[in-house]
Amino acid sequence: MATTQSGPIRLIRKLIIGIIGGGILFLGIALIFLPGPAFVFIPLGLGILSLEFEWPRRVFQWVRSRLLRQRRQDEHNNTFSKDNG
C-alpha cells in the first residue's frame, strides 16, 4: 500500500496495525487449543497485518498455493476412484 504519510504518522500506523493484527492472530493461535473459531481469527489477523507488513502476504500466498495443490490432487483422486469403483 503506497501512502505519502510522514515518518511519525507512518510509524504510529504501523504500530497500531501491528498491535491489533498481532493480537487477533495470537488469539486465533490460542483458539487452536481452546474452544473457538481459530479458522476465522488467524486469517483475520494475517489480513490486518498484511496492510503494513510483507510477511503475512507471503504466508497467505503459501497457504493458498498449498490448498490449491491439495484441491487438484483431491479432484484427481476422486476422478480416479470413480473410474475404478
N, C-alpha and C. Protein backbone atom coordinates (compact mmCIF):
# COMPACT_ATOMS: atom_id res chain seq x y z
N MET A 1 0.84 -1.16 0.00
CA MET A 1 0.00 0.00 0.00
C MET A 1 0.89 1.23 0.00
N ALA A 2 0.86 2.01 -1.06
CA ALA A 2 1.69 3.18 -1.16
C ALA A 2 0.97 4.40 -0.59
N THR A 3 1.56 4.98 0.44
CA THR A 3 0.99 6.17 1.03
C THR A 3 2.06 7.24 1.10
N THR A 4 1.64 8.47 1.28
CA THR A 4 2.57 9.59 1.37
C THR A 4 2.58 10.15 2.78
N GLN A 5 2.52 9.28 3.77
CA GLN A 5 2.50 9.72 5.15
C GLN A 5 3.91 10.02 5.62
N SER A 6 4.01 10.98 6.56
CA SER A 6 5.31 11.32 7.10
C SER A 6 5.78 10.25 8.07
N GLY A 7 7.02 10.33 8.49
CA GLY A 7 7.65 9.32 9.33
C GLY A 7 6.90 8.98 10.61
N PRO A 8 6.63 9.96 11.49
CA PRO A 8 5.96 9.61 12.76
C PRO A 8 4.56 9.05 12.57
N ILE A 9 3.81 9.57 11.63
CA ILE A 9 2.45 9.07 11.39
C ILE A 9 2.50 7.66 10.86
N ARG A 10 3.42 7.40 9.96
CA ARG A 10 3.58 6.05 9.41
C ARG A 10 3.99 5.06 10.50
N LEU A 11 4.87 5.48 11.38
CA LEU A 11 5.31 4.63 12.47
C LEU A 11 4.16 4.31 13.42
N ILE A 12 3.35 5.31 13.74
CA ILE A 12 2.19 5.11 14.62
C ILE A 12 1.20 4.16 13.96
N ARG A 13 0.94 4.36 12.67
CA ARG A 13 0.03 3.48 11.94
C ARG A 13 0.54 2.04 11.96
N LYS A 14 1.83 1.88 11.70
CA LYS A 14 2.43 0.54 11.69
C LYS A 14 2.32 -0.11 13.07
N LEU A 15 2.54 0.68 14.10
CA LEU A 15 2.45 0.17 15.47
C LEU A 15 1.02 -0.25 15.81
N ILE A 16 0.05 0.56 15.47
CA ILE A 16 -1.36 0.24 15.76
C ILE A 16 -1.78 -1.01 15.00
N ILE A 17 -1.45 -1.09 13.72
CA ILE A 17 -1.81 -2.27 12.92
C ILE A 17 -1.10 -3.50 13.45
N GLY A 18 0.15 -3.35 13.87
CA GLY A 18 0.89 -4.48 14.42
C GLY A 18 0.27 -4.99 15.72
N ILE A 19 -0.15 -4.07 16.57
CA ILE A 19 -0.74 -4.48 17.85
C ILE A 19 -2.10 -5.14 17.64
N ILE A 20 -2.95 -4.51 16.83
CA ILE A 20 -4.30 -5.07 16.60
C ILE A 20 -4.21 -6.39 15.84
N GLY A 21 -3.49 -6.40 14.72
CA GLY A 21 -3.36 -7.62 13.92
C GLY A 21 -2.66 -8.72 14.67
N GLY A 22 -1.60 -8.36 15.41
CA GLY A 22 -0.87 -9.36 16.18
C GLY A 22 -1.72 -9.94 17.31
N GLY A 23 -2.53 -9.09 17.94
CA GLY A 23 -3.41 -9.56 18.99
C GLY A 23 -4.46 -10.53 18.47
N ILE A 24 -5.04 -10.19 17.33
CA ILE A 24 -6.06 -11.08 16.74
C ILE A 24 -5.42 -12.38 16.27
N LEU A 25 -4.23 -12.30 15.69
CA LEU A 25 -3.52 -13.51 15.27
C LEU A 25 -3.19 -14.38 16.48
N PHE A 26 -2.69 -13.76 17.55
CA PHE A 26 -2.37 -14.50 18.77
C PHE A 26 -3.62 -15.17 19.34
N LEU A 27 -4.74 -14.44 19.34
CA LEU A 27 -6.00 -15.02 19.81
C LEU A 27 -6.38 -16.23 18.95
N GLY A 28 -6.22 -16.11 17.63
CA GLY A 28 -6.53 -17.23 16.74
C GLY A 28 -5.67 -18.44 17.02
N ILE A 29 -4.38 -18.19 17.29
CA ILE A 29 -3.49 -19.31 17.60
C ILE A 29 -3.90 -19.95 18.93
N ALA A 30 -4.29 -19.12 19.90
CA ALA A 30 -4.75 -19.66 21.18
C ALA A 30 -6.03 -20.47 21.00
N LEU A 31 -6.88 -20.06 20.06
CA LEU A 31 -8.14 -20.76 19.84
C LEU A 31 -7.96 -22.11 19.15
N ILE A 32 -6.75 -22.39 18.68
CA ILE A 32 -6.48 -23.73 18.17
C ILE A 32 -6.60 -24.73 19.32
N PHE A 33 -6.16 -24.30 20.50
CA PHE A 33 -6.15 -25.18 21.67
C PHE A 33 -7.37 -24.96 22.57
N LEU A 34 -8.02 -23.82 22.44
CA LEU A 34 -9.21 -23.51 23.22
C LEU A 34 -10.43 -23.63 22.31
N PRO A 35 -11.60 -23.77 22.89
CA PRO A 35 -12.79 -23.82 22.03
C PRO A 35 -13.07 -22.46 21.41
N GLY A 36 -13.17 -22.44 20.10
CA GLY A 36 -13.45 -21.20 19.40
C GLY A 36 -13.06 -21.29 17.94
N PRO A 37 -13.44 -20.28 17.17
CA PRO A 37 -13.22 -20.30 15.71
C PRO A 37 -11.84 -19.80 15.30
N ALA A 38 -10.81 -20.60 15.53
CA ALA A 38 -9.45 -20.22 15.16
C ALA A 38 -9.34 -19.96 13.67
N PHE A 39 -10.09 -20.73 12.87
CA PHE A 39 -10.02 -20.59 11.41
C PHE A 39 -10.55 -19.25 10.93
N VAL A 40 -11.22 -18.50 11.79
CA VAL A 40 -11.68 -17.14 11.45
C VAL A 40 -10.65 -16.12 11.91
N PHE A 41 -10.14 -16.26 13.12
CA PHE A 41 -9.26 -15.25 13.69
C PHE A 41 -7.87 -15.24 13.08
N ILE A 42 -7.34 -16.40 12.73
CA ILE A 42 -5.99 -16.44 12.16
C ILE A 42 -5.93 -15.71 10.81
N PRO A 43 -6.81 -16.00 9.85
CA PRO A 43 -6.76 -15.24 8.60
C PRO A 43 -7.09 -13.75 8.79
N LEU A 44 -7.97 -13.45 9.74
CA LEU A 44 -8.30 -12.05 10.01
C LEU A 44 -7.07 -11.30 10.53
N GLY A 45 -6.37 -11.90 11.47
CA GLY A 45 -5.15 -11.28 11.99
C GLY A 45 -4.10 -11.11 10.92
N LEU A 46 -3.91 -12.14 10.09
CA LEU A 46 -2.94 -12.03 8.99
C LEU A 46 -3.36 -10.97 7.99
N GLY A 47 -4.66 -10.87 7.74
CA GLY A 47 -5.15 -9.85 6.81
C GLY A 47 -4.88 -8.45 7.32
N ILE A 48 -5.11 -8.23 8.59
CA ILE A 48 -4.84 -6.91 9.17
C ILE A 48 -3.34 -6.62 9.13
N LEU A 49 -2.54 -7.59 9.50
CA LEU A 49 -1.08 -7.39 9.47
C LEU A 49 -0.57 -7.14 8.06
N SER A 50 -1.20 -7.74 7.07
CA SER A 50 -0.72 -7.57 5.69
C SER A 50 -0.97 -6.17 5.15
N LEU A 51 -1.74 -5.36 5.87
CA LEU A 51 -1.91 -3.96 5.47
C LEU A 51 -0.59 -3.19 5.57
N GLU A 52 0.29 -3.60 6.47
CA GLU A 52 1.53 -2.88 6.71
C GLU A 52 2.79 -3.72 6.54
N PHE A 53 2.68 -5.04 6.63
CA PHE A 53 3.86 -5.90 6.62
C PHE A 53 3.79 -6.85 5.43
N GLU A 54 4.96 -7.25 4.94
CA GLU A 54 5.04 -8.13 3.77
C GLU A 54 4.89 -9.60 4.13
N TRP A 55 5.40 -10.03 5.29
CA TRP A 55 5.41 -11.46 5.60
C TRP A 55 4.02 -12.09 5.66
N PRO A 56 2.96 -11.39 6.13
CA PRO A 56 1.65 -12.05 6.10
C PRO A 56 1.16 -12.32 4.68
N ARG A 57 1.54 -11.45 3.74
CA ARG A 57 1.16 -11.69 2.34
C ARG A 57 1.80 -12.97 1.82
N ARG A 58 3.07 -13.16 2.18
CA ARG A 58 3.76 -14.38 1.76
C ARG A 58 3.14 -15.62 2.40
N VAL A 59 2.71 -15.50 3.66
CA VAL A 59 2.04 -16.63 4.32
C VAL A 59 0.75 -16.96 3.58
N PHE A 60 -0.05 -15.93 3.24
CA PHE A 60 -1.30 -16.15 2.50
C PHE A 60 -1.02 -16.84 1.17
N GLN A 61 -0.01 -16.36 0.44
CA GLN A 61 0.30 -16.96 -0.86
C GLN A 61 0.73 -18.41 -0.71
N TRP A 62 1.53 -18.71 0.31
CA TRP A 62 1.99 -20.07 0.54
C TRP A 62 0.82 -20.99 0.87
N VAL A 63 -0.05 -20.55 1.79
CA VAL A 63 -1.21 -21.36 2.18
C VAL A 63 -2.14 -21.55 0.99
N ARG A 64 -2.37 -20.50 0.23
CA ARG A 64 -3.26 -20.59 -0.94
C ARG A 64 -2.72 -21.60 -1.95
N SER A 65 -1.42 -21.54 -2.22
CA SER A 65 -0.85 -22.47 -3.20
C SER A 65 -0.94 -23.91 -2.70
N ARG A 66 -0.73 -24.12 -1.39
CA ARG A 66 -0.85 -25.47 -0.84
C ARG A 66 -2.28 -25.98 -0.92
N LEU A 67 -3.26 -25.11 -0.61
CA LEU A 67 -4.66 -25.51 -0.68
C LEU A 67 -5.09 -25.83 -2.11
N LEU A 68 -4.64 -25.01 -3.06
CA LEU A 68 -4.99 -25.27 -4.46
C LEU A 68 -4.36 -26.57 -4.95
N ARG A 69 -3.11 -26.82 -4.55
CA ARG A 69 -2.45 -28.06 -4.94
C ARG A 69 -3.18 -29.27 -4.33
N GLN A 70 -3.59 -29.16 -3.08
CA GLN A 70 -4.32 -30.24 -2.42
C GLN A 70 -5.68 -30.46 -3.09
N ARG A 71 -6.32 -29.37 -3.46
CA ARG A 71 -7.62 -29.48 -4.13
C ARG A 71 -7.50 -30.20 -5.46
N ARG A 72 -6.47 -29.84 -6.24
CA ARG A 72 -6.25 -30.52 -7.52
C ARG A 72 -5.96 -32.00 -7.31
N GLN A 73 -5.18 -32.31 -6.30
CA GLN A 73 -4.86 -33.71 -6.01
C GLN A 73 -6.12 -34.47 -5.57
N ASP A 74 -6.94 -33.85 -4.74
CA ASP A 74 -8.18 -34.49 -4.31
C ASP A 74 -9.12 -34.73 -5.49
N GLU A 75 -9.23 -33.75 -6.39
CA GLU A 75 -10.08 -33.92 -7.57
C GLU A 75 -9.57 -35.05 -8.44
N HIS A 76 -8.24 -35.12 -8.58
CA HIS A 76 -7.65 -36.20 -9.36
C HIS A 76 -7.93 -37.56 -8.71
N ASN A 77 -7.77 -37.63 -7.39
CA ASN A 77 -8.02 -38.89 -6.68
C ASN A 77 -9.48 -39.28 -6.74
N ASN A 78 -10.39 -38.32 -6.64
CA ASN A 78 -11.82 -38.62 -6.72
C ASN A 78 -12.19 -39.12 -8.10
N THR A 79 -11.62 -38.53 -9.13
CA THR A 79 -11.89 -38.97 -10.51
C THR A 79 -11.35 -40.38 -10.69
N PHE A 80 -10.17 -40.64 -10.18
CA PHE A 80 -9.57 -41.96 -10.28
C PHE A 80 -10.41 -42.99 -9.54
N SER A 81 -10.90 -42.63 -8.36
CA SER A 81 -11.72 -43.57 -7.57
C SER A 81 -13.03 -43.88 -8.27
N LYS A 82 -13.65 -42.88 -8.88
CA LYS A 82 -14.93 -43.10 -9.56
C LYS A 82 -14.75 -43.99 -10.79
N ASP A 83 -13.63 -43.82 -11.47
CA ASP A 83 -13.39 -44.65 -12.66
C ASP A 83 -13.14 -46.10 -12.31
N ASN A 84 -12.54 -46.34 -11.13
CA ASN A 84 -12.20 -47.70 -10.75
C ASN A 84 -13.16 -48.29 -9.72
N GLY A 85 -14.17 -47.56 -9.32
CA GLY A 85 -15.02 -48.02 -8.23
C GLY A 85 -16.22 -48.69 -8.72
